[in-house]
Amino acid sequence: MSSPPKVIFGFHAVGVRLKTAPASVLEVLFDASRRDARMKQFIARAQEAGVRLVEADGLRLSKLSGSHGHQGVAARVEPILQTHSLDELLEGLEAARTVPLLLVLDGVTDPHNLGACLRVADGAGAHAVIAPKDHAAGINATVAKVASGAAETVPYFMVTNLARTLGELKERDIWCVGTSDDAPGTLYQSDLNRPLALVLGAEGAGMRQLTRKSCDELVGIPMRGAVESLNVSVASGVCLYEAMRQRGAA
């Protein structure tokens, strides 16, 4: 049984779908009252992709997307089914002799945080984001909007048992590094130039205890100011880009 169409909105999210999978776009709705250069460029791109264009006002777009942050653009699209499992992804990386870089999120339930994490994962070249099926946000229109297209490009795997998945990653010689405020060492003292899974918990609560125990190493992000912690998406960016820096230096 095929999945029903879903709605994505915002210039980036719709634009990436037009670029990567135009055949999955059923129709694009746009605010005809916007006549600026950005909208004209977007409409031209949609026309080049051969998709159906529908004029709509701001109220209709807000109702369709469930948000006022649609930027005057929304699209009905067919869901893109994830064709690979996490095991298949890892086997493909191994066959290509590619060093895995994974982001693991434990307890991130806010769609804005998840979208931002996907965006930074895409930017840093992470191969996948992993989260538990419970205590986690799924991919929805808000996530896709905040991710600015990364929800279409970064595989997002929701697993039944996160601790068991971390154990399976370790069996593949993937080093699991968790972040914690009370870690004995810092991120910058850790060797991240290896098959790696960076494990972060939600802001405030942090990782669950079992997740923490499943990590090979715990590191902290040095905090020099008055605040005690970073938003999880910011922390993800700091960790992923330090891993990318170390790999580039090596």
C-alpha atoms as a PDB file:
ATOM      1  CA  MET A   1       0.000   0.000   0.000  1.00  0.00           C
ATOM      2  CA  SER A   2       1.540   3.331  -1.065  1.00  0.00           C
ATOM      3  CA  SER A   3       2.018   6.140   1.455  1.00  0.00           C
ATOM      4  CA  PRO A   4      -0.184   9.249   1.105  1.00  0.00           C
ATOM      5  CA  PRO A   5       1.381  12.457  -0.235  1.00  0.00           C
ATOM      6  CA  LYS A   6       3.008  14.784   2.272  1.00  0.00           C
ATOM      7  CA  VAL A   7       3.620  18.519   2.346  1.00  0.00           C
ATOM      8  CA  ILE A   8       6.979  20.268   2.455  1.00  0.00           C
ATOM      9  CA  PHE A   9       7.447  24.032   2.494  1.00  0.00           C
ATOM     10  CA  GLY A  10      10.052  26.753   2.254  1.00  0.00           C
ATOM     11  CA  PHE A  11      12.410  27.648  -0.588  1.00  0.00           C
ATOM     12  CA  HIS A  12      15.253  25.373   0.496  1.00  0.00           C
ATOM     13  CA  ALA A  13      13.204  22.266   1.274  1.00  0.00           C
ATOM     14  CA  VAL A  14      11.123  22.427  -1.911  1.00  0.00           C
ATOM     15  CA  GLY A  15      14.108  23.501  -3.995  1.00  0.00           C
ATOM     16  CA  VAL A  16      16.210  20.510  -2.946  1.00  0.00           C
ATOM     17  CA  ARG A  17      13.322  18.136  -3.721  1.00  0.00           C
ATOM     18  CA  LEU A  18      12.977  19.707  -7.190  1.00  0.00           C
ATOM     19  CA  LYS A  19      16.698  19.174  -7.702  1.00  0.00           C
ATOM     20  CA  THR A  20      17.057  15.655  -6.313  1.00  0.00           C
ATOM     21  CA  ALA A  21      13.688  14.011  -7.081  1.00  0.00           C
ATOM     22  CA  PRO A  22      11.490  16.162  -9.353  1.00  0.00           C
ATOM     23  CA  ALA A  23       9.337  13.177 -10.365  1.00  0.00           C
ATOM     24  CA  SER A  24       8.126  12.888  -6.759  1.00  0.00           C
ATOM     25  CA  VAL A  25       6.704  16.445  -6.754  1.00  0.00           C
ATOM     26  CA  LEU A  26       2.967  16.331  -7.440  1.00  0.00           C
ATOM     27  CA  GLU A  27       2.433  20.096  -7.426  1.00  0.00           C
ATOM     28  CA  VAL A  28       4.035  23.290  -6.188  1.00  0.00           C
ATOM     29  CA  LEU A  29       1.885  26.001  -4.646  1.00  0.00           C
ATOM     30  CA  PHE A  30       3.235  29.552  -4.557  1.00  0.00           C
ATOM     31  CA  ASP A  31       2.122  32.962  -3.391  1.00  0.00           C
ATOM     32  CA  ALA A  32       1.447  34.863  -6.605  1.00  0.00           C
ATOM     33  CA  SER A  33       1.619  38.198  -4.755  1.00  0.00           C
ATOM     34  CA  ARG A  34       5.371  37.697  -4.297  1.00  0.00           C
ATOM     35  CA  ARG A  35       7.133  39.118  -7.329  1.00  0.00           C
ATOM     36  CA  ASP A  36      10.680  39.394  -5.976  1.00  0.00           C
ATOM     37  CA  ALA A  37      13.747  37.920  -7.647  1.00  0.00           C
ATOM     38  CA  ARG A  38      13.913  34.924  -5.321  1.00  0.00           C
ATOM     39  CA  MET A  39      10.370  33.864  -6.163  1.00  0.00           C
ATOM     40  CA  LYS A  40      10.933  34.410  -9.891  1.00  0.00           C
ATOM     41  CA  GLN A  41      14.052  32.218  -9.784  1.00  0.00           C
ATOM     42  CA  PHE A  42      12.172  29.545  -7.855  1.00  0.00           C
ATOM     43  CA  ILE A  43       9.260  29.488 -10.313  1.00  0.00           C
ATOM     44  CA  ALA A  44      11.692  29.230 -13.209  1.00  0.00           C
ATOM     45  CA  ARG A  45      13.367  26.252 -11.536  1.00  0.00           C
ATOM     46  CA  ALA A  46       9.983  24.571 -10.989  1.00  0.00           C
ATOM     47  CA  GLN A  47       9.023  25.150 -14.620  1.00  0.00           C
ATOM     48  CA  GLU A  48      12.327  23.636 -15.769  1.00  0.00           C
ATOM     49  CA  ALA A  49      11.565  20.591 -13.636  1.00  0.00           C
ATOM     50  CA  GLY A  50       8.197  20.247 -15.379  1.00  0.00           C
ATOM     51  CA  VAL A  51       6.078  20.247 -12.216  1.00  0.00           C
ATOM     52  CA  ARG A  52       2.531  21.576 -11.896  1.00  0.00           C
ATOM     53  CA  LEU A  53       2.418  25.122 -10.510  1.00  0.00           C
ATOM     54  CA  VAL A  54      -0.608  26.358  -8.551  1.00  0.00           C
ATOM     55  CA  GLU A  55      -1.204  29.941  -7.426  1.00  0.00           C
ATOM     56  CA  ALA A  56      -2.230  30.235  -3.774  1.00  0.00           C
ATOM     57  CA  ASP A  57      -2.590  32.974  -1.183  1.00  0.00           C
ATOM     58  CA  GLY A  58      -0.766  33.129   2.131  1.00  0.00           C
ATOM     59  CA  LEU A  59      -3.741  31.809   4.116  1.00  0.00           C
ATOM     60  CA  ARG A  60      -4.025  28.672   2.000  1.00  0.00           C
ATOM     61  CA  LEU A  61      -0.275  28.072   2.220  1.00  0.00           C
ATOM     62  CA  SER A  62      -0.357  28.496   6.012  1.00  0.00           C
ATOM     63  CA  LYS A  63      -3.203  25.999   6.355  1.00  0.00           C
ATOM     64  CA  LEU A  64      -1.510  23.532   4.035  1.00  0.00           C
ATOM     65  CA  SER A  65       1.887  23.690   5.716  1.00  0.00           C
ATOM     66  CA  GLY A  66       0.653  24.191   9.261  1.00  0.00           C
ATOM     67  CA  SER A  67       3.060  27.093   9.624  1.00  0.00           C
ATOM     68  CA  HIS A  68       3.389  30.784   8.804  1.00  0.00           C
ATOM     69  CA  GLY A  69       7.047  30.211   7.904  1.00  0.00           C
ATOM     70  CA  HIS A  70       6.343  28.817   4.438  1.00  0.00           C
ATOM     71  CA  GLN A  71       8.011  31.782   2.649  1.00  0.00           C
ATOM     72  CA  GLY A  72       5.253  31.683   0.044  1.00  0.00           C
ATOM     73  CA  VAL A  73       6.132  28.199  -1.200  1.00  0.00           C
ATOM     74  CA  ALA A  74       4.796  24.708  -0.479  1.00  0.00           C
ATOM     75  CA  ALA A  75       4.622  21.420  -2.361  1.00  0.00           C
ATOM     76  CA  ARG A  76       2.665  18.189  -2.254  1.00  0.00           C
ATOM     77  CA  VAL A  77       5.157  15.386  -2.728  1.00  0.00           C
ATOM     78  CA  GLU A  78       5.256  11.625  -2.729  1.00  0.00           C
ATOM     79  CA  PRO A  79       7.310  10.239   0.179  1.00  0.00           C
ATOM     80  CA  ILE A  80      10.747   9.024  -0.840  1.00  0.00           C
ATOM     81  CA  LEU A  81      11.151   5.578   0.615  1.00  0.00           C
ATOM     82  CA  GLN A  82      14.459   4.868   2.322  1.00  0.00           C
ATOM     83  CA  THR A  83      15.919   2.115   0.179  1.00  0.00           C
ATOM     84  CA  HIS A  84      18.788   1.165   2.450  1.00  0.00           C
ATOM     85  CA  SER A  85      18.894  -0.089   6.004  1.00  0.00           C
ATOM     86  CA  LEU A  86      21.613   1.046   8.401  1.00  0.00           C
ATOM     87  CA  ASP A  87      23.403  -2.274   7.860  1.00  0.00           C
ATOM     88  CA  GLU A  88      23.305  -1.818   4.088  1.00  0.00           C
ATOM     89  CA  LEU A  89      24.629   1.717   4.431  1.00  0.00           C
ATOM     90  CA  LEU A  90      27.536   0.590   6.606  1.00  0.00           C
ATOM     91  CA  GLU A  91      28.322  -2.343   4.323  1.00  0.00           C
ATOM     92  CA  GLY A  92      28.394   0.060   1.366  1.00  0.00           C
ATOM     93  CA  LEU A  93      30.800   2.372   3.197  1.00  0.00           C
ATOM     94  CA  GLU A  94      33.015  -0.583   4.062  1.00  0.00           C
ATOM     95  CA  ALA A  95      33.012  -1.811   0.467  1.00  0.00           C
ATOM     96  CA  ALA A  96      33.963   1.685  -0.725  1.00  0.00           C
ATOM     97  CA  ARG A  97      36.657   1.917   1.976  1.00  0.00           C
ATOM     98  CA  THR A  98      34.985   5.039   3.316  1.00  0.00           C
ATOM     99  CA  VAL A  99      35.532   5.914   6.973  1.00  0.00           C
ATOM    100  CA  PRO A 100      32.058   6.206   8.576  1.00  0.00           C
ATOM    101  CA  LEU A 101      30.968   9.406  10.295  1.00  0.00           C
ATOM    102  CA  LEU A 102      27.637   9.043  12.079  1.00  0.00           C
ATOM    103  CA  LEU A 103      25.583  11.309  14.329  1.00  0.00           C
ATOM    104  CA  VAL A 104      23.506   9.607  17.037  1.00  0.00           C
ATOM    105  CA  LEU A 105      20.793  11.620  18.802  1.00  0.00           C
ATOM    106  CA  ASP A 106      19.274  10.360  22.055  1.00  0.00           C
ATOM    107  CA  GLY A 107      16.096  12.052  23.240  1.00  0.00           C
ATOM    108  CA  VAL A 108      15.899  14.874  20.684  1.00  0.00           C
ATOM    109  CA  THR A 109      12.149  15.400  20.385  1.00  0.00           C
ATOM    110  CA  ASP A 110      11.991  18.982  19.118  1.00  0.00           C
ATOM    111  CA  PRO A 111      11.535  19.099  15.315  1.00  0.00           C
ATOM    112  CA  HIS A 112      13.462  22.375  15.047  1.00  0.00           C
ATOM    113  CA  ASN A 113      16.456  20.807  16.793  1.00  0.00           C
ATOM    114  CA  LEU A 114      16.270  17.704  14.602  1.00  0.00           C
ATOM    115  CA  GLY A 115      16.059  19.799  11.437  1.00  0.00           C
ATOM    116  CA  ALA A 116      19.091  21.832  12.489  1.00  0.00           C
ATOM    117  CA  CYS A 117      21.012  18.629  13.340  1.00  0.00           C
ATOM    118  CA  LEU A 118      20.256  17.185   9.894  1.00  0.00           C
ATOM    119  CA  ARG A 119      21.405  20.413   8.269  1.00  0.00           C
ATOM    120  CA  VAL A 120      24.746  20.425  10.094  1.00  0.00           C
ATOM    121  CA  ALA A 121      25.177  16.687   9.465  1.00  0.00           C
ATOM    122  CA  ASP A 122      24.810  17.328   5.750  1.00  0.00           C
ATOM    123  CA  GLY A 123      27.257  20.206   5.894  1.00  0.00           C
ATOM    124  CA  ALA A 124      29.895  18.149   7.707  1.00  0.00           C
ATOM    125  CA  GLY A 125      29.490  15.163   5.395  1.00  0.00           C
ATOM    126  CA  ALA A 126      28.009  12.770   7.967  1.00  0.00           C
ATOM    127  CA  HIS A 127      26.783   9.548   6.393  1.00  0.00           C
ATOM    128  CA  ALA A 128      23.664   9.142   8.565  1.00  0.00           C
ATOM    129  CA  VAL A 129      21.794  10.317  11.638  1.00  0.00           C
ATOM    130  CA  ILE A 130      20.502   7.666  14.042  1.00  0.00           C
ATOM    131  CA  ALA A 131      17.827   8.053  16.742  1.00  0.00           C
ATOM    132  CA  PRO A 132      15.585   5.784  18.825  1.00  0.00           C
ATOM    133  CA  LYS A 133      12.002   5.198  17.701  1.00  0.00           C
ATOM    134  CA  ASP A 134      10.792   6.383  21.096  1.00  0.00           C
ATOM    135  CA  HIS A 135      11.835   9.691  22.672  1.00  0.00           C
ATOM    136  CA  ALA A 136      12.688  11.158  19.270  1.00  0.00           C
ATOM    137  CA  ALA A 137      11.211  13.427  16.622  1.00  0.00           C
ATOM    138  CA  GLY A 138      10.329  11.965  13.237  1.00  0.00           C
ATOM    139  CA  ILE A 139      10.677  13.686   9.884  1.00  0.00           C
ATOM    140  CA  ASN A 140       7.791  16.085   9.302  1.00  0.00           C
ATOM    141  CA  ALA A 141       7.249  19.329   7.376  1.00  0.00           C
ATOM    142  CA  THR A 142       8.784  21.464  10.127  1.00  0.00           C
ATOM    143  CA  VAL A 143      11.896  19.288  10.245  1.00  0.00           C
ATOM    144  CA  ALA A 144      12.207  19.452   6.458  1.00  0.00           C
ATOM    145  CA  LYS A 145      11.842  23.258   6.495  1.00  0.00           C
ATOM    146  CA  VAL A 146      14.478  23.786   9.198  1.00  0.00           C
ATOM    147  CA  ALA A 147      16.811  21.232   7.595  1.00  0.00           C
ATOM    148  CA  SER A 148      16.815  23.335   4.403  1.00  0.00           C
ATOM    149  CA  GLY A 149      16.895  20.259   2.181  1.00  0.00           C
ATOM    150  CA  ALA A 150      19.096  18.048   4.363  1.00  0.00           C
ATOM    151  CA  ALA A 151      16.098  15.901   5.309  1.00  0.00           C
ATOM    152  CA  GLU A 152      16.184  14.743   1.676  1.00  0.00           C
ATOM    153  CA  THR A 153      19.935  14.063   1.569  1.00  0.00           C
ATOM    154  CA  VAL A 154      20.963  12.660   4.968  1.00  0.00           C
ATOM    155  CA  PRO A 155      19.672   9.151   5.825  1.00  0.00           C
ATOM    156  CA  TYR A 156      17.744   9.216   9.119  1.00  0.00           C
ATOM    157  CA  PHE A 157      17.419   5.842  10.817  1.00  0.00           C
ATOM    158  CA  MET A 158      15.079   5.332  13.780  1.00  0.00           C
ATOM    159  CA  VAL A 159      16.060   2.173  15.652  1.00  0.00           C
ATOM    160  CA  THR A 160      14.146   0.103  18.177  1.00  0.00           C
ATOM    161  CA  ASN A 161      16.959  -0.221  20.715  1.00  0.00           C
ATOM    162  CA  LEU A 162      19.613   2.496  20.652  1.00  0.00           C
ATOM    163  CA  ALA A 163      21.988   0.815  23.110  1.00  0.00           C
ATOM    164  CA  ARG A 164      21.919  -2.381  21.055  1.00  0.00           C
ATOM    165  CA  THR A 165      22.562  -0.401  17.875  1.00  0.00           C
ATOM    166  CA  LEU A 166      25.587   1.245  19.507  1.00  0.00           C
ATOM    167  CA  GLY A 167      26.814  -2.237  20.413  1.00  0.00           C
ATOM    168  CA  GLU A 168      26.441  -3.310  16.777  1.00  0.00           C
ATOM    169  CA  LEU A 169      28.372  -0.236  15.633  1.00  0.00           C
ATOM    170  CA  LYS A 170      31.173  -1.138  18.036  1.00  0.00           C
ATOM    171  CA  GLU A 171      31.247  -4.669  16.594  1.00  0.00           C
ATOM    172  CA  ARG A 172      31.998  -3.001  13.251  1.00  0.00           C
ATOM    173  CA  ASP A 173      34.928  -1.158  14.904  1.00  0.00           C
ATOM    174  CA  ILE A 174      33.086   2.153  14.915  1.00  0.00           C
ATOM    175  CA  TRP A 175      34.248   4.193  17.909  1.00  0.00           C
ATOM    176  CA  CYS A 176      31.288   5.629  19.861  1.00  0.00           C
ATOM    177  CA  VAL A 177      32.028   9.001  21.464  1.00  0.00           C
ATOM    178  CA  GLY A 178      29.404  10.511  23.740  1.00  0.00           C
ATOM    179  CA  THR A 179      29.249  14.092  24.980  1.00  0.00           C
ATOM    180  CA  SER A 180      28.820  14.852  28.655  1.00  0.00           C
ATOM    181  CA  ASP A 181      29.314  17.885  30.878  1.00  0.00           C
ATOM    182  CA  ASP A 182      31.198  15.785  33.437  1.00  0.00           C
ATOM    183  CA  ALA A 183      33.456  13.923  30.985  1.00  0.00           C
ATOM    184  CA  PRO A 184      37.121  13.593  32.057  1.00  0.00           C
ATOM    185  CA  GLY A 185      38.491  14.906  28.749  1.00  0.00           C
ATOM    186  CA  THR A 186      37.461  17.342  26.038  1.00  0.00           C
ATOM    187  CA  LEU A 187      36.405  16.854  22.445  1.00  0.00           C
ATOM    188  CA  TYR A 188      39.704  18.329  21.260  1.00  0.00           C
ATOM    189  CA  GLN A 189      41.743  15.715  23.144  1.00  0.00           C
ATOM    190  CA  SER A 190      39.946  12.826  21.445  1.00  0.00           C
ATOM    191  CA  ASP A 191      41.077  11.025  18.287  1.00  0.00           C
ATOM    192  CA  LEU A 192      38.170  11.492  15.895  1.00  0.00           C
ATOM    193  CA  ASN A 193      40.056  10.458  12.768  1.00  0.00           C
ATOM    194  CA  ARG A 194      38.628   6.935  12.775  1.00  0.00           C
ATOM    195  CA  PRO A 195      35.319   5.167  12.060  1.00  0.00           C
ATOM    196  CA  LEU A 196      33.182   7.275  14.352  1.00  0.00           C
ATOM    197  CA  ALA A 197      29.723   7.704  15.863  1.00  0.00           C
ATOM    198  CA  LEU A 198      29.185  10.934  17.803  1.00  0.00           C
ATOM    199  CA  VAL A 199      26.454  10.479  20.418  1.00  0.00           C
ATOM    200  CA  LEU A 200      24.571  13.489  21.800  1.00  0.00           C
ATOM    201  CA  GLY A 201      21.626  13.773  24.134  1.00  0.00           C
ATOM    202  CA  ALA A 202      18.895  16.352  24.343  1.00  0.00           C
ATOM    203  CA  GLU A 203      19.684  19.707  25.913  1.00  0.00           C
ATOM    204  CA  GLY A 204      19.160  19.513  29.663  1.00  0.00           C
ATOM    205  CA  ALA A 205      18.469  15.806  30.114  1.00  0.00           C
ATOM    206  CA  GLY A 206      21.470  14.641  28.102  1.00  0.00           C
ATOM    207  CA  MET A 207      21.937  11.016  27.113  1.00  0.00           C
ATOM    208  CA  ARG A 208      20.038   8.293  28.887  1.00  0.00           C
ATOM    209  CA  GLN A 209      22.126   6.239  31.298  1.00  0.00           C
ATOM    210  CA  LEU A 210      22.169   3.096  29.158  1.00  0.00           C
ATOM    211  CA  THR A 211      23.195   5.111  26.114  1.00  0.00           C
ATOM    212  CA  ARG A 212      25.981   6.705  28.127  1.00  0.00           C
ATOM    213  CA  LYS A 213      27.246   3.320  29.287  1.00  0.00           C
ATOM    214  CA  SER A 214      27.240   2.062  25.688  1.00  0.00           C
ATOM    215  CA  CYS A 215      29.763   4.699  24.567  1.00  0.00           C
ATOM    216  CA  ASP A 216      33.456   3.877  24.233  1.00  0.00           C
ATOM    217  CA  GLU A 217      34.474   7.343  25.384  1.00  0.00           C
ATOM    218  CA  LEU A 218      32.911  10.434  26.916  1.00  0.00           C
ATOM    219  CA  VAL A 219      34.097  13.942  26.039  1.00  0.00           C
ATOM    220  CA  GLY A 220      33.062  17.440  26.955  1.00  0.00           C
ATOM    221  CA  ILE A 221      32.836  20.663  24.956  1.00  0.00           C
ATOM    222  CA  PRO A 222      34.775  23.386  26.823  1.00  0.00           C
ATOM    223  CA  MET A 223      32.506  26.193  28.012  1.00  0.00           C
ATOM    224  CA  ARG A 224      34.268  29.493  28.794  1.00  0.00           C
ATOM    225  CA  GLY A 225      31.256  31.728  29.421  1.00  0.00           C
ATOM    226  CA  ALA A 226      28.337  31.843  31.820  1.00  0.00           C
ATOM    227  CA  VAL A 227      26.088  29.307  30.081  1.00  0.00           C
ATOM    228  CA  GLU A 228      26.562  25.666  31.065  1.00  0.00           C
ATOM    229  CA  SER A 229      25.613  23.876  27.839  1.00  0.00           C
ATOM    230  CA  LEU A 230      24.935  24.294  24.136  1.00  0.00           C
ATOM    231  CA  ASN A 231      21.817  23.569  22.131  1.00  0.00           C
ATOM    232  CA  VAL A 232      22.075  20.033  20.720  1.00  0.00           C
ATOM    233  CA  SER A 233      22.240  21.226  17.121  1.00  0.00           C
ATOM    234  CA  VAL A 234      25.073  23.637  17.945  1.00  0.00           C
ATOM    235  CA  ALA A 235      26.883  20.909  19.884  1.00  0.00           C
ATOM    236  CA  SER A 236      26.416  18.562  16.921  1.00  0.00           C
ATOM    237  CA  GLY A 237      28.009  21.144  14.660  1.00  0.00           C
ATOM    238  CA  VAL A 238      30.983  21.631  16.997  1.00  0.00           C
ATOM    239  CA  CYS A 239      31.570  17.859  17.232  1.00  0.00           C
ATOM    240  CA  LEU A 240      31.058  17.015  13.560  1.00  0.00           C
ATOM    241  CA  TYR A 241      33.238  19.829  12.318  1.00  0.00           C
ATOM    242  CA  GLU A 242      36.027  18.930  14.749  1.00  0.00           C
ATOM    243  CA  ALA A 243      35.898  15.387  13.348  1.00  0.00           C
ATOM    244  CA  MET A 244      36.010  16.823   9.830  1.00  0.00           C
ATOM    245  CA  ARG A 245      38.948  19.093  10.779  1.00  0.00           C
ATOM    246  CA  GLN A 246      40.922  16.178  12.206  1.00  0.00           C
ATOM    247  CA  ARG A 247      40.260  14.070   9.128  1.00  0.00           C
ATOM    248  CA  GLY A 248      41.316  16.904   6.857  1.00  0.00           C
ATOM    249  CA  ALA A 249      44.484  17.500   8.853  1.00  0.00           C
ATOM    250  CA  ALA A 250      45.341  13.813   8.678  1.00  0.00           C
END
